[in-house]
Amino acid sequence: MRRVWNETPGALRGLWLVLWGIGIALLAAGWWGDQAGFWSNKPFITNVFSSLTAAMFGIPLALIVLQRLGVAQAEAVEARAARRLAATVVDDLAATAPRLCPGPLSDLRNAETELLNVERAAQETIRQWESTQDRESLCALRELMADGTLDSALADFKSAIRPGKQAVTAVAEISAHWSFLNSTVRSRLLETGGTWLTPALAAHINEMVQRLAADPYLDGWLRDLDMAIRRFQTTSDMSSALHRLWIQLEIGYLIAEAVNQLIGLTAEASSALGTGR
């Protein structure tokens, strides 16, 4: 009752008090009339007076009930609208994600695996080089670059993702859909009592989107990697060259991973929220 009273508009609460005050006064007058025998020979006035007294108590209660029903109906309509909006936006997000990988998905997975292998080899090479300064520690990384492993990874990446101008539109749409879903739609869902994505899923999608938004063409790292490879092959400052090469390999792996995972993550988000139509 306290929550109902607190949520009732001030004007309606004032009217409630006034009508109940009048009702109490009429009740007192009716009780006095009974004691004095005033109503004994006035059946019509008695009925009117009794009805008016009852109305002074019943009308405020009816107003509050109707007001609560109206609020509940409005909230239900808003909740359904929020769920429909969430379903529409998350389905658009899930439909856009595969456009990040217009080529064979198997090529993307191969690129992700191969880039990770070379990136880890570069990490290990850095560790060995910094502890020994022995050029023999560079052999394993040089072999991966010479036997075509890195070239294969880059070819698979370009085949699957096809970076460049056509990637920009897909990345922009993914970013826009996720931004709207994670801000406006999320707020509306929570305000209307709806359910949102699990914190882990939302954070994972957000991380993957941010990776792609940092380089919407998805090819900046390719140019930087080419320069890092040439520097690795020609420079005398091997420590700096190794670190630069490792950084670009890591960026490439993270981008491939982001595209690969977003396809599955957005489908999972669509399954979680896309039921409000």
Foldseek 3Di string as FASTA:
>chain_A
DVVLLVPDDPVLNVLLVVLVVVLVVLVVVLVVCVVVVVCVPPVVVNVVSVVSSVCSNVVSVVVSVVVVVVVVVVLVVLLLVLLQVLLVLLVLLLVLLQLQFPADLVLLVLLLVLLVVLLVLLVQLLVVCVVPVDCVSCVVNVCCVVVCSNVSSVVSNCRGRVFADSQLVSLVSNVVSLVCCVPVSVVSQVVSVHDADDPVLNVLLVVLSVLCVVPSRLCPLVVQLVVLVVCCVDPPPNSVSSVSNSVSSVSNSSNSVSSSVSNVSSVVRSVVRNPSD
